[in-house]
Structures are given as structure tokens and as C-alpha cells.
PDB file of N, CA and C in Angstrom:
ATOM      1  N   MET A   1       8.059 -25.068  16.416  1.00  0.00           N
ATOM      2  CA  MET A   1       8.660 -24.560  15.203  1.00  0.00           C
ATOM      3  C   MET A   1       9.784 -25.515  14.773  1.00  0.00           C
ATOM      4  N   GLN A   2       9.851 -25.780  13.484  1.00  0.00           N
ATOM      5  CA  GLN A   2      10.876 -26.670  12.953  1.00  0.00           C
ATOM      6  C   GLN A   2      12.216 -25.952  12.864  1.00  0.00           C
ATOM      7  N   LYS A   3      13.284 -26.682  13.120  1.00  0.00           N
ATOM      8  CA  LYS A   3      14.630 -26.119  13.064  1.00  0.00           C
ATOM      9  C   LYS A   3      15.067 -25.827  11.636  1.00  0.00           C
ATOM     10  N   TYR A   4      14.738 -26.745  10.708  1.00  0.00           N
ATOM     11  CA  TYR A   4      15.197 -26.599   9.330  1.00  0.00           C
ATOM     12  C   TYR A   4      14.029 -26.267   8.411  1.00  0.00           C
ATOM     13  N   ILE A   5      14.323 -25.486   7.362  1.00  0.00           N
ATOM     14  CA  ILE A   5      13.310 -25.072   6.399  1.00  0.00           C
ATOM     15  C   ILE A   5      13.877 -25.140   4.984  1.00  0.00           C
ATOM     16  N   GLN A   6      12.963 -25.132   4.026  1.00  0.00           N
ATOM     17  CA  GLN A   6      13.298 -24.924   2.628  1.00  0.00           C
ATOM     18  C   GLN A   6      12.612 -23.637   2.202  1.00  0.00           C
ATOM     19  N   ILE A   7      13.365 -22.779   1.561  1.00  0.00           N
ATOM     20  CA  ILE A   7      12.829 -21.521   1.038  1.00  0.00           C
ATOM     21  C   ILE A   7      12.857 -21.635  -0.478  1.00  0.00           C
ATOM     22  N   THR A   8      11.784 -21.190  -1.123  1.00  0.00           N
ATOM     23  CA  THR A   8      11.776 -21.191  -2.581  1.00  0.00           C
ATOM     24  C   THR A   8      11.668 -19.780  -3.121  1.00  0.00           C
ATOM     25  N   THR A   9      12.315 -19.607  -4.272  1.00  0.00           N
ATOM     26  CA  THR A   9      12.206 -18.376  -5.029  1.00  0.00           C
ATOM     27  C   THR A   9      12.372 -18.747  -6.497  1.00  0.00           C
ATOM     28  N   THR A  10      11.889 -17.898  -7.390  1.00  0.00           N
ATOM     29  CA  THR A  10      12.017 -18.137  -8.820  1.00  0.00           C
ATOM     30  C   THR A  10      12.588 -16.907  -9.507  1.00  0.00           C
ATOM     31  N   THR A  11      13.244 -17.139 -10.637  1.00  0.00           N
ATOM     32  CA  THR A  11      13.748 -16.050 -11.476  1.00  0.00           C
ATOM     33  C   THR A  11      13.484 -16.408 -12.934  1.00  0.00           C
ATOM     34  N   ASP A  12      13.510 -15.413 -13.784  1.00  0.00           N
ATOM     35  CA  ASP A  12      13.274 -15.698 -15.200  1.00  0.00           C
ATOM     36  C   ASP A  12      14.567 -15.989 -15.969  1.00  0.00           C
ATOM     37  N   LYS A  13      15.711 -15.892 -15.290  1.00  0.00           N
ATOM     38  CA  LYS A  13      16.994 -16.169 -15.934  1.00  0.00           C
ATOM     39  C   LYS A  13      17.801 -17.149 -15.090  1.00  0.00           C
ATOM     40  N   LYS A  14      18.372 -18.142 -15.753  1.00  0.00           N
ATOM     41  CA  LYS A  14      19.199 -19.126 -15.062  1.00  0.00           C
ATOM     42  C   LYS A  14      20.368 -18.441 -14.364  1.00  0.00           C
ATOM     43  N   ALA A  15      20.963 -17.447 -15.013  1.00  0.00           N
ATOM     44  CA  ALA A  15      22.112 -16.743 -14.432  1.00  0.00           C
ATOM     45  C   ALA A  15      21.740 -16.067 -13.115  1.00  0.00           C
ATOM     46  N   ASP A  16      20.533 -15.505 -13.023  1.00  0.00           N
ATOM     47  CA  ASP A  16      20.087 -14.884 -11.770  1.00  0.00           C
ATOM     48  C   ASP A  16      19.887 -15.935 -10.678  1.00  0.00           C
ATOM     49  N   ALA A  17      19.324 -17.091 -11.049  1.00  0.00           N
ATOM     50  CA  ALA A  17      19.138 -18.171 -10.077  1.00  0.00           C
ATOM     51  C   ALA A  17      20.490 -18.646  -9.545  1.00  0.00           C
ATOM     52  N   GLU A  18      21.460 -18.770 -10.428  1.00  0.00           N
ATOM     53  CA  GLU A  18      22.793 -19.211 -10.007  1.00  0.00           C
ATOM     54  C   GLU A  18      23.489 -18.149  -9.151  1.00  0.00           C
ATOM     55  N   LYS A  19      23.299 -16.877  -9.483  1.00  0.00           N
ATOM     56  CA  LYS A  19      23.880 -15.787  -8.689  1.00  0.00           C
ATOM     57  C   LYS A  19      23.301 -15.786  -7.271  1.00  0.00           C
ATOM     58  N   ILE A  20      21.991 -15.910  -7.166  1.00  0.00           N
ATOM     59  CA  ILE A  20      21.323 -15.956  -5.863  1.00  0.00           C
ATOM     60  C   ILE A  20      21.835 -17.152  -5.064  1.00  0.00           C
ATOM     61  N   SER A  21      21.886 -18.305  -5.711  1.00  0.00           N
ATOM     62  CA  SER A  21      22.312 -19.534  -5.041  1.00  0.00           C
ATOM     63  C   SER A  21      23.733 -19.416  -4.517  1.00  0.00           C
ATOM     64  N   LYS A  22      24.617 -18.953  -5.359  1.00  0.00           N
ATOM     65  CA  LYS A  22      26.026 -18.833  -4.964  1.00  0.00           C
ATOM     66  C   LYS A  22      26.184 -17.860  -3.797  1.00  0.00           C
ATOM     67  N   LYS A  23      25.500 -16.735  -3.853  1.00  0.00           N
ATOM     68  CA  LYS A  23      25.585 -15.727  -2.786  1.00  0.00           C
ATOM     69  C   LYS A  23      25.149 -16.316  -1.444  1.00  0.00           C
ATOM     70  N   LEU A  24      24.016 -17.011  -1.427  1.00  0.00           N
ATOM     71  CA  LEU A  24      23.496 -17.564  -0.174  1.00  0.00           C
ATOM     72  C   LEU A  24      24.412 -18.648   0.392  1.00  0.00           C
ATOM     73  N   VAL A  25      24.975 -19.469  -0.478  1.00  0.00           N
ATOM     74  CA  VAL A  25      25.888 -20.516  -0.012  1.00  0.00           C
ATOM     75  C   VAL A  25      27.201 -19.898   0.464  1.00  0.00           C
ATOM     76  N   GLU A  26      27.745 -18.935  -0.284  1.00  0.00           N
ATOM     77  CA  GLU A  26      28.986 -18.267   0.136  1.00  0.00           C
ATOM     78  C   GLU A  26      28.840 -17.593   1.493  1.00  0.00           C
ATOM     79  N   MET A  27      27.672 -17.021   1.753  1.00  0.00           N
ATOM     80  CA  MET A  27      27.429 -16.329   3.016  1.00  0.00           C
ATOM     81  C   MET A  27      27.102 -17.298   4.157  1.00  0.00           C
ATOM     82  N   ARG A  28      27.046 -18.595   3.850  1.00  0.00           N
ATOM     83  CA  ARG A  28      26.675 -19.643   4.817  1.00  0.00           C
ATOM     84  C   ARG A  28      25.260 -19.441   5.360  1.00  0.00           C
ATOM     85  N   LEU A  29      24.417 -18.800   4.558  1.00  0.00           N
ATOM     86  CA  LEU A  29      23.006 -18.685   4.911  1.00  0.00           C
ATOM     87  C   LEU A  29      22.249 -19.919   4.447  1.00  0.00           C
ATOM     88  N   ALA A  30      22.813 -20.618   3.478  1.00  0.00           N
ATOM     89  CA  ALA A  30      22.238 -21.865   2.980  1.00  0.00           C
ATOM     90  C   ALA A  30      23.345 -22.902   2.887  1.00  0.00           C
ATOM     91  N   ALA A  31      23.007 -24.133   3.252  1.00  0.00           N
ATOM     92  CA  ALA A  31      23.972 -25.219   3.096  1.00  0.00           C
ATOM     93  C   ALA A  31      23.950 -25.727   1.663  1.00  0.00           C
ATOM     94  N   CYS A  32      22.813 -25.581   1.008  1.00  0.00           N
ATOM     95  CA  CYS A  32      22.628 -26.091  -0.348  1.00  0.00           C
ATOM     96  C   CYS A  32      21.493 -25.315  -0.996  1.00  0.00           C
ATOM     97  N   VAL A  33      21.650 -25.028  -2.285  1.00  0.00           N
ATOM     98  CA  VAL A  33      20.552 -24.469  -3.067  1.00  0.00           C
ATOM     99  C   VAL A  33      20.496 -25.265  -4.369  1.00  0.00           C
ATOM    100  N   GLN A  34      19.342 -25.814  -4.645  1.00  0.00           N
ATOM    101  CA  GLN A  34      19.144 -26.522  -5.899  1.00  0.00           C
ATOM    102  C   GLN A  34      18.466 -25.583  -6.884  1.00  0.00           C
ATOM    103  N   VAL A  35      18.977 -25.559  -8.108  1.00  0.00           N
ATOM    104  CA  VAL A  35      18.393 -24.762  -9.177  1.00  0.00           C
ATOM    105  C   VAL A  35      17.745 -25.735 -10.154  1.00  0.00           C
ATOM    106  N   ILE A  36      16.450 -25.578 -10.338  1.00  0.00           N
ATOM    107  CA  ILE A  36      15.674 -26.479 -11.183  1.00  0.00           C
ATOM    108  C   ILE A  36      15.037 -25.666 -12.304  1.00  0.00           C
ATOM    109  N   GLY A  37      15.111 -26.187 -13.493  1.00  0.00           N
ATOM    110  CA  GLY A  37      14.442 -25.487 -14.573  1.00  0.00           C
ATOM    111  C   GLY A  37      14.961 -25.899 -15.933  1.00  0.00           C
ATOM    112  N   PRO A  38      14.346 -25.344 -16.898  1.00  0.00           N
ATOM    113  CA  PRO A  38      13.270 -24.363 -16.750  1.00  0.00           C
ATOM    114  C   PRO A  38      11.945 -25.018 -16.338  1.00  0.00           C
ATOM    115  N   ILE A  39      11.142 -24.227 -15.667  1.00  0.00           N
ATOM    116  CA  ILE A  39       9.780 -24.618 -15.298  1.00  0.00           C
ATOM    117  C   ILE A  39       8.829 -23.601 -15.921  1.00  0.00           C
ATOM    118  N   ARG A  40       7.574 -23.917 -15.964  1.00  0.00           N
ATOM    119  CA  ARG A  40       6.568 -22.995 -16.481  1.00  0.00           C
ATOM    120  C   ARG A  40       5.756 -22.481 -15.309  1.00  0.00           C
ATOM    121  N   SER A  41       5.692 -21.169 -15.141  1.00  0.00           N
ATOM    122  CA  SER A  41       4.885 -20.547 -14.087  1.00  0.00           C
ATOM    123  C   SER A  41       3.733 -19.788 -14.730  1.00  0.00           C
ATOM    124  N   ILE A  42       2.552 -19.995 -14.190  1.00  0.00           N
ATOM    125  CA  ILE A  42       1.356 -19.289 -14.648  1.00  0.00           C
ATOM    126  C   ILE A  42       0.787 -18.582 -13.429  1.00  0.00           C
ATOM    127  N   TYR A  43       0.596 -17.272 -13.540  1.00  0.00           N
ATOM    128  CA  TYR A  43       0.242 -16.476 -12.363  1.00  0.00           C
ATOM    129  C   TYR A  43      -0.405 -15.154 -12.779  1.00  0.00           C
ATOM    130  N   TRP A  44      -1.077 -14.547 -11.813  1.00  0.00           N
ATOM    131  CA  TRP A  44      -1.622 -13.207 -12.007  1.00  0.00           C
ATOM    132  C   TRP A  44      -0.525 -12.177 -11.765  1.00  0.00           C
ATOM    133  N   TRP A  45      -0.427 -11.176 -12.643  1.00  0.00           N
ATOM    134  CA  TRP A  45       0.474 -10.051 -12.427  1.00  0.00           C
ATOM    135  C   TRP A  45      -0.147  -8.820 -13.059  1.00  0.00           C
ATOM    136  N   LYS A  46      -0.468  -7.844 -12.223  1.00  0.00           N
ATOM    137  CA  LYS A  46      -1.055  -6.580 -12.660  1.00  0.00           C
ATOM    138  C   LYS A  46      -2.295  -6.812 -13.532  1.00  0.00           C
ATOM    139  N   ASP A  47      -3.206  -7.643 -13.003  1.00  0.00           N
ATOM    140  CA  ASP A  47      -4.508  -7.928 -13.609  1.00  0.00           C
ATOM    141  C   ASP A  47      -4.448  -8.702 -14.927  1.00  0.00           C
ATOM    142  N   VAL A  48      -3.330  -9.341 -15.195  1.00  0.00           N
ATOM    143  CA  VAL A  48      -3.183 -10.153 -16.403  1.00  0.00           C
ATOM    144  C   VAL A  48      -2.631 -11.520 -15.996  1.00  0.00           C
ATOM    145  N   ILE A  49      -3.141 -12.577 -16.617  1.00  0.00           N
ATOM    146  CA  ILE A  49      -2.562 -13.897 -16.379  1.00  0.00           C
ATOM    147  C   ILE A  49      -1.310 -14.017 -17.238  1.00  0.00           C
ATOM    148  N   GLU A  50      -0.198 -14.277 -16.587  1.00  0.00           N
ATOM    149  CA  GLU A  50       1.095 -14.422 -17.255  1.00  0.00           C
ATOM    150  C   GLU A  50       1.468 -15.900 -17.313  1.00  0.00           C
ATOM    151  N   SER A  51       2.269 -16.262 -18.285  1.00  0.00           N
ATOM    152  CA  SER A  51       2.824 -17.603 -18.413  1.00  0.00           C
ATOM    153  C   SER A  51       4.264 -17.445 -18.873  1.00  0.00           C
ATOM    154  N   ASN A  52       5.196 -17.797 -17.981  1.00  0.00           N
ATOM    155  CA  ASN A  52       6.605 -17.569 -18.287  1.00  0.00           C
ATOM    156  C   ASN A  52       7.471 -18.742 -17.876  1.00  0.00           C
ATOM    157  N   GLU A  53       8.610 -18.834 -18.542  1.00  0.00           N
ATOM    158  CA  GLU A  53       9.633 -19.791 -18.153  1.00  0.00           C
ATOM    159  C   GLU A  53      10.411 -19.207 -16.989  1.00  0.00           C
ATOM    160  N   GLU A  54      10.633 -20.020 -15.958  1.00  0.00           N
ATOM    161  CA  GLU A  54      11.380 -19.568 -14.792  1.00  0.00           C
ATOM    162  C   GLU A  54      12.314 -20.669 -14.310  1.00  0.00           C
ATOM    163  N   TRP A  55      13.181 -20.282 -13.395  1.00  0.00           N
ATOM    164  CA  TRP A  55      14.119 -21.181 -12.724  1.00  0.00           C
ATOM    165  C   TRP A  55      13.790 -21.152 -11.247  1.00  0.00           C
ATOM    166  N   LEU A  56      13.667 -22.329 -10.651  1.00  0.00           N
ATOM    167  CA  LEU A  56      13.277 -22.481  -9.252  1.00  0.00           C
ATOM    168  C   LEU A  56      14.506 -22.731  -8.391  1.00  0.00           C
ATOM    169  N   CYS A  57      14.658 -21.957  -7.330  1.00  0.00           N
ATOM    170  CA  CYS A  57      15.731 -22.159  -6.349  1.00  0.00           C
ATOM    171  C   CYS A  57      15.102 -22.745  -5.084  1.00  0.00           C
ATOM    172  N   ILE A  58      15.639 -23.871  -4.639  1.00  0.00           N
ATOM    173  CA  ILE A  58      15.201 -24.494  -3.390  1.00  0.00           C
ATOM    174  C   ILE A  58      16.362 -24.379  -2.410  1.00  0.00           C
ATOM    175  N   ILE A  59      16.163 -23.581  -1.385  1.00  0.00           N
ATOM    176  CA  ILE A  59      17.212 -23.190  -0.442  1.00  0.00           C
ATOM    177  C   ILE A  59      17.050 -23.987   0.849  1.00  0.00           C
ATOM    178  N   LYS A  60      18.096 -24.722   1.253  1.00  0.00           N
ATOM    179  CA  LYS A  60      18.063 -25.505   2.500  1.00  0.00           C
ATOM    180  C   LYS A  60      18.799 -24.729   3.578  1.00  0.00           C
ATOM    181  N   THR A  61      18.113 -24.496   4.691  1.00  0.00           N
ATOM    182  CA  THR A  61      18.697 -23.663   5.738  1.00  0.00           C
ATOM    183  C   THR A  61      18.016 -23.930   7.079  1.00  0.00           C
ATOM    184  N   GLU A  62      18.330 -23.093   8.059  1.00  0.00           N
ATOM    185  CA  GLU A  62      17.687 -23.144   9.369  1.00  0.00           C
ATOM    186  C   GLU A  62      16.652 -22.036   9.474  1.00  0.00           C
ATOM    187  N   ASN A  63      15.611 -22.303  10.213  1.00  0.00           N
ATOM    188  CA  ASN A  63      14.540 -21.333  10.396  1.00  0.00           C
ATOM    189  C   ASN A  63      15.054 -19.995  10.933  1.00  0.00           C
ATOM    190  N   GLU A  64      16.021 -20.036  11.835  1.00  0.00           N
ATOM    191  CA  GLU A  64      16.537 -18.789  12.429  1.00  0.00           C
ATOM    192  C   GLU A  64      17.240 -17.885  11.411  1.00  0.00           C
ATOM    193  N   LEU A  65      17.582 -18.407  10.240  1.00  0.00           N
ATOM    194  CA  LEU A  65      18.246 -17.601   9.207  1.00  0.00           C
ATOM    195  C   LEU A  65      17.261 -17.009   8.193  1.00  0.00           C
ATOM    196  N   TYR A  66      15.978 -17.316   8.338  1.00  0.00           N
ATOM    197  CA  TYR A  66      14.996 -16.868   7.348  1.00  0.00           C
ATOM    198  C   TYR A  66      15.036 -15.357   7.113  1.00  0.00           C
ATOM    199  N   LYS A  67      14.984 -14.579   8.171  1.00  0.00           N
ATOM    200  CA  LYS A  67      14.907 -13.115   8.011  1.00  0.00           C
ATOM    201  C   LYS A  67      16.123 -12.561   7.267  1.00  0.00           C
ATOM    202  N   GLU A  68      17.296 -13.091   7.553  1.00  0.00           N
ATOM    203  CA  GLU A  68      18.502 -12.621   6.862  1.00  0.00           C
ATOM    204  C   GLU A  68      18.466 -13.025   5.384  1.00  0.00           C
ATOM    205  N   ILE A  69      17.991 -14.233   5.107  1.00  0.00           N
ATOM    206  CA  ILE A  69      17.862 -14.663   3.715  1.00  0.00           C
ATOM    207  C   ILE A  69      16.846 -13.805   2.975  1.00  0.00           C
ATOM    208  N   GLU A  70      15.722 -13.533   3.610  1.00  0.00           N
ATOM    209  CA  GLU A  70      14.714 -12.669   2.985  1.00  0.00           C
ATOM    210  C   GLU A  70      15.307 -11.299   2.666  1.00  0.00           C
ATOM    211  N   LYS A  71      16.101 -10.761   3.573  1.00  0.00           N
ATOM    212  CA  LYS A  71      16.746  -9.452   3.351  1.00  0.00           C
ATOM    213  C   LYS A  71      17.679  -9.510   2.140  1.00  0.00           C
ATOM    214  N   VAL A  72      18.530 -10.534   2.082  1.00  0.00           N
ATOM    215  CA  VAL A  72      19.471 -10.671   0.962  1.00  0.00           C
ATOM    216  C   VAL A  72      18.714 -10.849  -0.351  1.00  0.00           C
ATOM    217  N   LEU A  73      17.701 -11.716  -0.358  1.00  0.00           N
ATOM    218  CA  LEU A  73      16.917 -11.914  -1.572  1.00  0.00           C
ATOM    219  C   LEU A  73      16.238 -10.626  -2.021  1.00  0.00           C
ATOM    220  N   SER A  74      15.702  -9.879  -1.083  1.00  0.00           N
ATOM    221  CA  SER A  74      15.034  -8.615  -1.430  1.00  0.00           C
ATOM    222  C   SER A  74      16.013  -7.613  -2.043  1.00  0.00           C
ATOM    223  N   GLU A  75      17.261  -7.679  -1.631  1.00  0.00           N
ATOM    224  CA  GLU A  75      18.280  -6.756  -2.149  1.00  0.00           C
ATOM    225  C   GLU A  75      18.796  -7.154  -3.527  1.00  0.00           C
ATOM    226  N   ILE A  76      18.959  -8.447  -3.790  1.00  0.00           N
ATOM    227  CA  ILE A  76      19.616  -8.862  -5.038  1.00  0.00           C
ATOM    228  C   ILE A  76      18.672  -9.458  -6.079  1.00  0.00           C
ATOM    229  N   HIS A  77      17.438  -9.743  -5.701  1.00  0.00           N
ATOM    230  CA  HIS A  77      16.511 -10.384  -6.630  1.00  0.00           C
ATOM    231  C   HIS A  77      16.056  -9.389  -7.690  1.00  0.00           C
ATOM    232  N   PRO A  78      16.001  -9.807  -8.960  1.00  0.00           N
ATOM    233  CA  PRO A  78      15.608  -8.863 -10.016  1.00  0.00           C
ATOM    234  C   PRO A  78      14.111  -8.571 -10.079  1.00  0.00           C
ATOM    235  N   TYR A  79      13.260  -9.371  -9.438  1.00  0.00           N
ATOM    236  CA  TYR A  79      11.817  -9.155  -9.519  1.00  0.00           C
ATOM    237  C   TYR A  79      11.355  -8.037  -8.593  1.00  0.00           C
ATOM    238  N   GLU A  80      10.318  -7.347  -9.021  1.00  0.00           N
ATOM    239  CA  GLU A  80       9.692  -6.313  -8.191  1.00  0.00           C
ATOM    240  C   GLU A  80       9.101  -6.934  -6.925  1.00  0.00           C
ATOM    241  N   VAL A  81       8.458  -8.083  -7.075  1.00  0.00           N
ATOM    242  CA  VAL A  81       7.880  -8.813  -5.942  1.00  0.00           C
ATOM    243  C   VAL A  81       8.315 -10.277  -6.071  1.00  0.00           C
ATOM    244  N   PRO A  82       9.476 -10.605  -5.536  1.00  0.00           N
ATOM    245  CA  PRO A  82       9.939 -11.991  -5.674  1.00  0.00           C
ATOM    246  C   PRO A  82       9.181 -12.950  -4.769  1.00  0.00           C
ATOM    247  N   GLU A  83       9.055 -14.173  -5.242  1.00  0.00           N
ATOM    248  CA  GLU A  83       8.544 -15.242  -4.393  1.00  0.00           C
ATOM    249  C   GLU A  83       9.611 -15.536  -3.343  1.00  0.00           C
ATOM    250  N   ILE A  84       9.241 -15.434  -2.088  1.00  0.00           N
ATOM    251  CA  ILE A  84      10.111 -15.827  -0.976  1.00  0.00           C
ATOM    252  C   ILE A  84       9.189 -16.504   0.031  1.00  0.00           C
ATOM    253  N   VAL A  85       9.127 -17.842  -0.032  1.00  0.00           N
ATOM    254  CA  VAL A  85       8.274 -18.586   0.879  1.00  0.00           C
ATOM    255  C   VAL A  85       9.079 -19.731   1.484  1.00  0.00           C
ATOM    256  N   SER A  86       8.710 -20.091   2.699  1.00  0.00           N
ATOM    257  CA  SER A  86       9.416 -21.198   3.348  1.00  0.00           C
ATOM    258  C   SER A  86       8.427 -22.251   3.823  1.00  0.00           C
ATOM    259  N   VAL A  87       8.916 -23.472   3.862  1.00  0.00           N
ATOM    260  CA  VAL A  87       8.155 -24.589   4.417  1.00  0.00           C
ATOM    261  C   VAL A  87       9.084 -25.335   5.370  1.00  0.00           C
ATOM    262  N   PRO A  88       8.514 -25.884   6.438  1.00  0.00           N
ATOM    263  CA  PRO A  88       9.359 -26.604   7.388  1.00  0.00           C
ATOM    264  C   PRO A  88       9.804 -27.946   6.833  1.00  0.00           C
ATOM    265  N   ILE A  89      11.004 -28.339   7.208  1.00  0.00           N
ATOM    266  CA  ILE A  89      11.459 -29.703   6.948  1.00  0.00           C
ATOM    267  C   ILE A  89      11.036 -30.505   8.173  1.00  0.00           C
ATOM    268  N   VAL A  90      10.022 -31.300   8.013  1.00  0.00           N
ATOM    269  CA  VAL A  90       9.427 -32.028   9.135  1.00  0.00           C
ATOM    270  C   VAL A  90      10.290 -33.224   9.522  1.00  0.00           C
ATOM    271  N   ASN A  91      10.810 -33.923   8.537  1.00  0.00           N
ATOM    272  CA  ASN A  91      11.669 -35.073   8.774  1.00  0.00           C
ATOM    273  C   ASN A  91      12.802 -35.063   7.764  1.00  0.00           C
ATOM    274  N   GLY A  92      13.899 -35.705   8.117  1.00  0.00           N
ATOM    275  CA  GLY A  92      15.033 -35.848   7.212  1.00  0.00           C
ATOM    276  C   GLY A  92      15.999 -36.846   7.799  1.00  0.00           C
ATOM    277  N   SER A  93      16.850 -37.385   6.944  1.00  0.00           N
ATOM    278  CA  SER A  93      17.810 -38.356   7.463  1.00  0.00           C
ATOM    279  C   SER A  93      18.749 -37.658   8.447  1.00  0.00           C
ATOM    280  N   HIS A  94      19.138 -38.388   9.456  1.00  0.00           N
ATOM    281  CA  HIS A  94      20.047 -37.837  10.462  1.00  0.00           C
ATOM    282  C   HIS A  94      21.340 -37.365   9.807  1.00  0.00           C
ATOM    283  N   ALA A  95      21.878 -38.151   8.883  1.00  0.00           N
ATOM    284  CA  ALA A  95      23.137 -37.798   8.219  1.00  0.00           C
ATOM    285  C   ALA A  95      22.999 -36.485   7.449  1.00  0.00           C
ATOM    286  N   TYR A  96      21.906 -36.315   6.690  1.00  0.00           N
ATOM    287  CA  TYR A  96      21.718 -35.092   5.904  1.00  0.00           C
ATOM    288  C   TYR A  96      21.526 -33.880   6.806  1.00  0.00           C
ATOM    289  N   LEU A  97      20.682 -34.002   7.811  1.00  0.00           N
ATOM    290  CA  LEU A  97      20.438 -32.861   8.700  1.00  0.00           C
ATOM    291  C   LEU A  97      21.687 -32.504   9.497  1.00  0.00           C
ATOM    292  N   SER A  98      22.497 -33.481   9.829  1.00  0.00           N
ATOM    293  CA  SER A  98      23.771 -33.204  10.511  1.00  0.00           C
ATOM    294  C   SER A  98      24.703 -32.446   9.579  1.00  0.00           C
ATOM    295  N   TRP A  99      24.742 -32.861   8.317  1.00  0.00           N
ATOM    296  CA  TRP A  99      25.564 -32.159   7.327  1.00  0.00           C
ATOM    297  C   TRP A  99      25.092 -30.717   7.180  1.00  0.00           C
ATOM    298  N   LEU A 100      23.781 -30.516   7.056  1.00  0.00           N
ATOM    299  CA  LEU A 100      23.213 -29.182   6.916  1.00  0.00           C
ATOM    300  C   LEU A 100      23.620 -28.313   8.103  1.00  0.00           C
ATOM    301  N   TYR A 101      23.465 -28.856   9.296  1.00  0.00           N
ATOM    302  CA  TYR A 101      23.837 -28.160  10.527  1.00  0.00           C
ATOM    303  C   TYR A 101      25.305 -27.720  10.494  1.00  0.00           C
ATOM    304  N   GLU A 102      26.185 -28.635  10.153  1.00  0.00           N
ATOM    305  CA  GLU A 102      27.620 -28.343  10.140  1.00  0.00           C
ATOM    306  C   GLU A 102      27.981 -27.296   9.089  1.00  0.00           C
ATOM    307  N   GLU A 103      27.405 -27.372   7.914  1.00  0.00           N
ATOM    308  CA  GLU A 103      27.755 -26.445   6.845  1.00  0.00           C
ATOM    309  C   GLU A 103      27.329 -25.004   7.149  1.00  0.00           C
ATOM    310  N   LEU A 104      26.310 -24.835   7.935  1.00  0.00           N
ATOM    311  CA  LEU A 104      25.851 -23.487   8.278  1.00  0.00           C
ATOM    312  C   LEU A 104      26.677 -22.878   9.400  1.00  0.00           C
ATOM    313  N   ARG A 105      27.620 -23.629   9.951  1.00  0.00           N
ATOM    314  CA  ARG A 105      28.416 -23.141  11.088  1.00  0.00           C
ATOM    315  C   ARG A 105      29.897 -22.982  10.777  1.00  0.00           C
ATOM    316  N   LYS A 106      30.313 -23.206   9.572  1.00  0.00           N
ATOM    317  CA  LYS A 106      31.744 -23.093   9.239  1.00  0.00           C
ATOM    318  C   LYS A 106      32.125 -21.663   8.993  1.00  0.00           C
TER     319      LYS A 106
END
């Protein structure tokens, strides 16, 4: 299992993406969250294909914090079924991963 992960989630409002990002960083659950957007998402929802503008949050953290992040996202996310998925960080610069490690421990 990889030590570090990236978790992604999307929202339909920039303000919600920024609120989520700030909360996770303030709680030291994430060392960094990048907010990207707007992006276009096309997906199935309640038997209809939807196409909406969204904001993507890319959350940098440790694998051991995933469950707590999922809990926080489930509590504050405005979507009925928010995207909460993680992928392992397989490689990264030593300097960046050291920074990530330190920021999650302050």
C-alpha cells in the first residue's frame, strides 16, 4: 500500500470547492488541495445524462487519513453522492514528499 494518495472530489460551485479545501488543510488532513476549474463533467444521474460545469479538488494526503477525509467530505459536501476517490502517489520528489509529510504533522 502506498503511503501517500491523492483524493479527488468535485462541486458545482467554486465557493464550495474552496470551503472544502480550506477545511481539510486547516484540519491538517491535507497538506495541499488544488482547485481546478471550471471543468465540464458529463455523467449519468437518475437515468439522465447530465452535463455540468464543476470545480475539481485534488487533495494531497496520506493513505491513513483517507477514512477521516471521507467522513469530513460526506458531512460538508453539498452533493447527495459526492465523488470521493483516491489514487496512490507511486513516485514523487523527495523534497515534495518530505514537505507533505511535515505539513500533516504540525
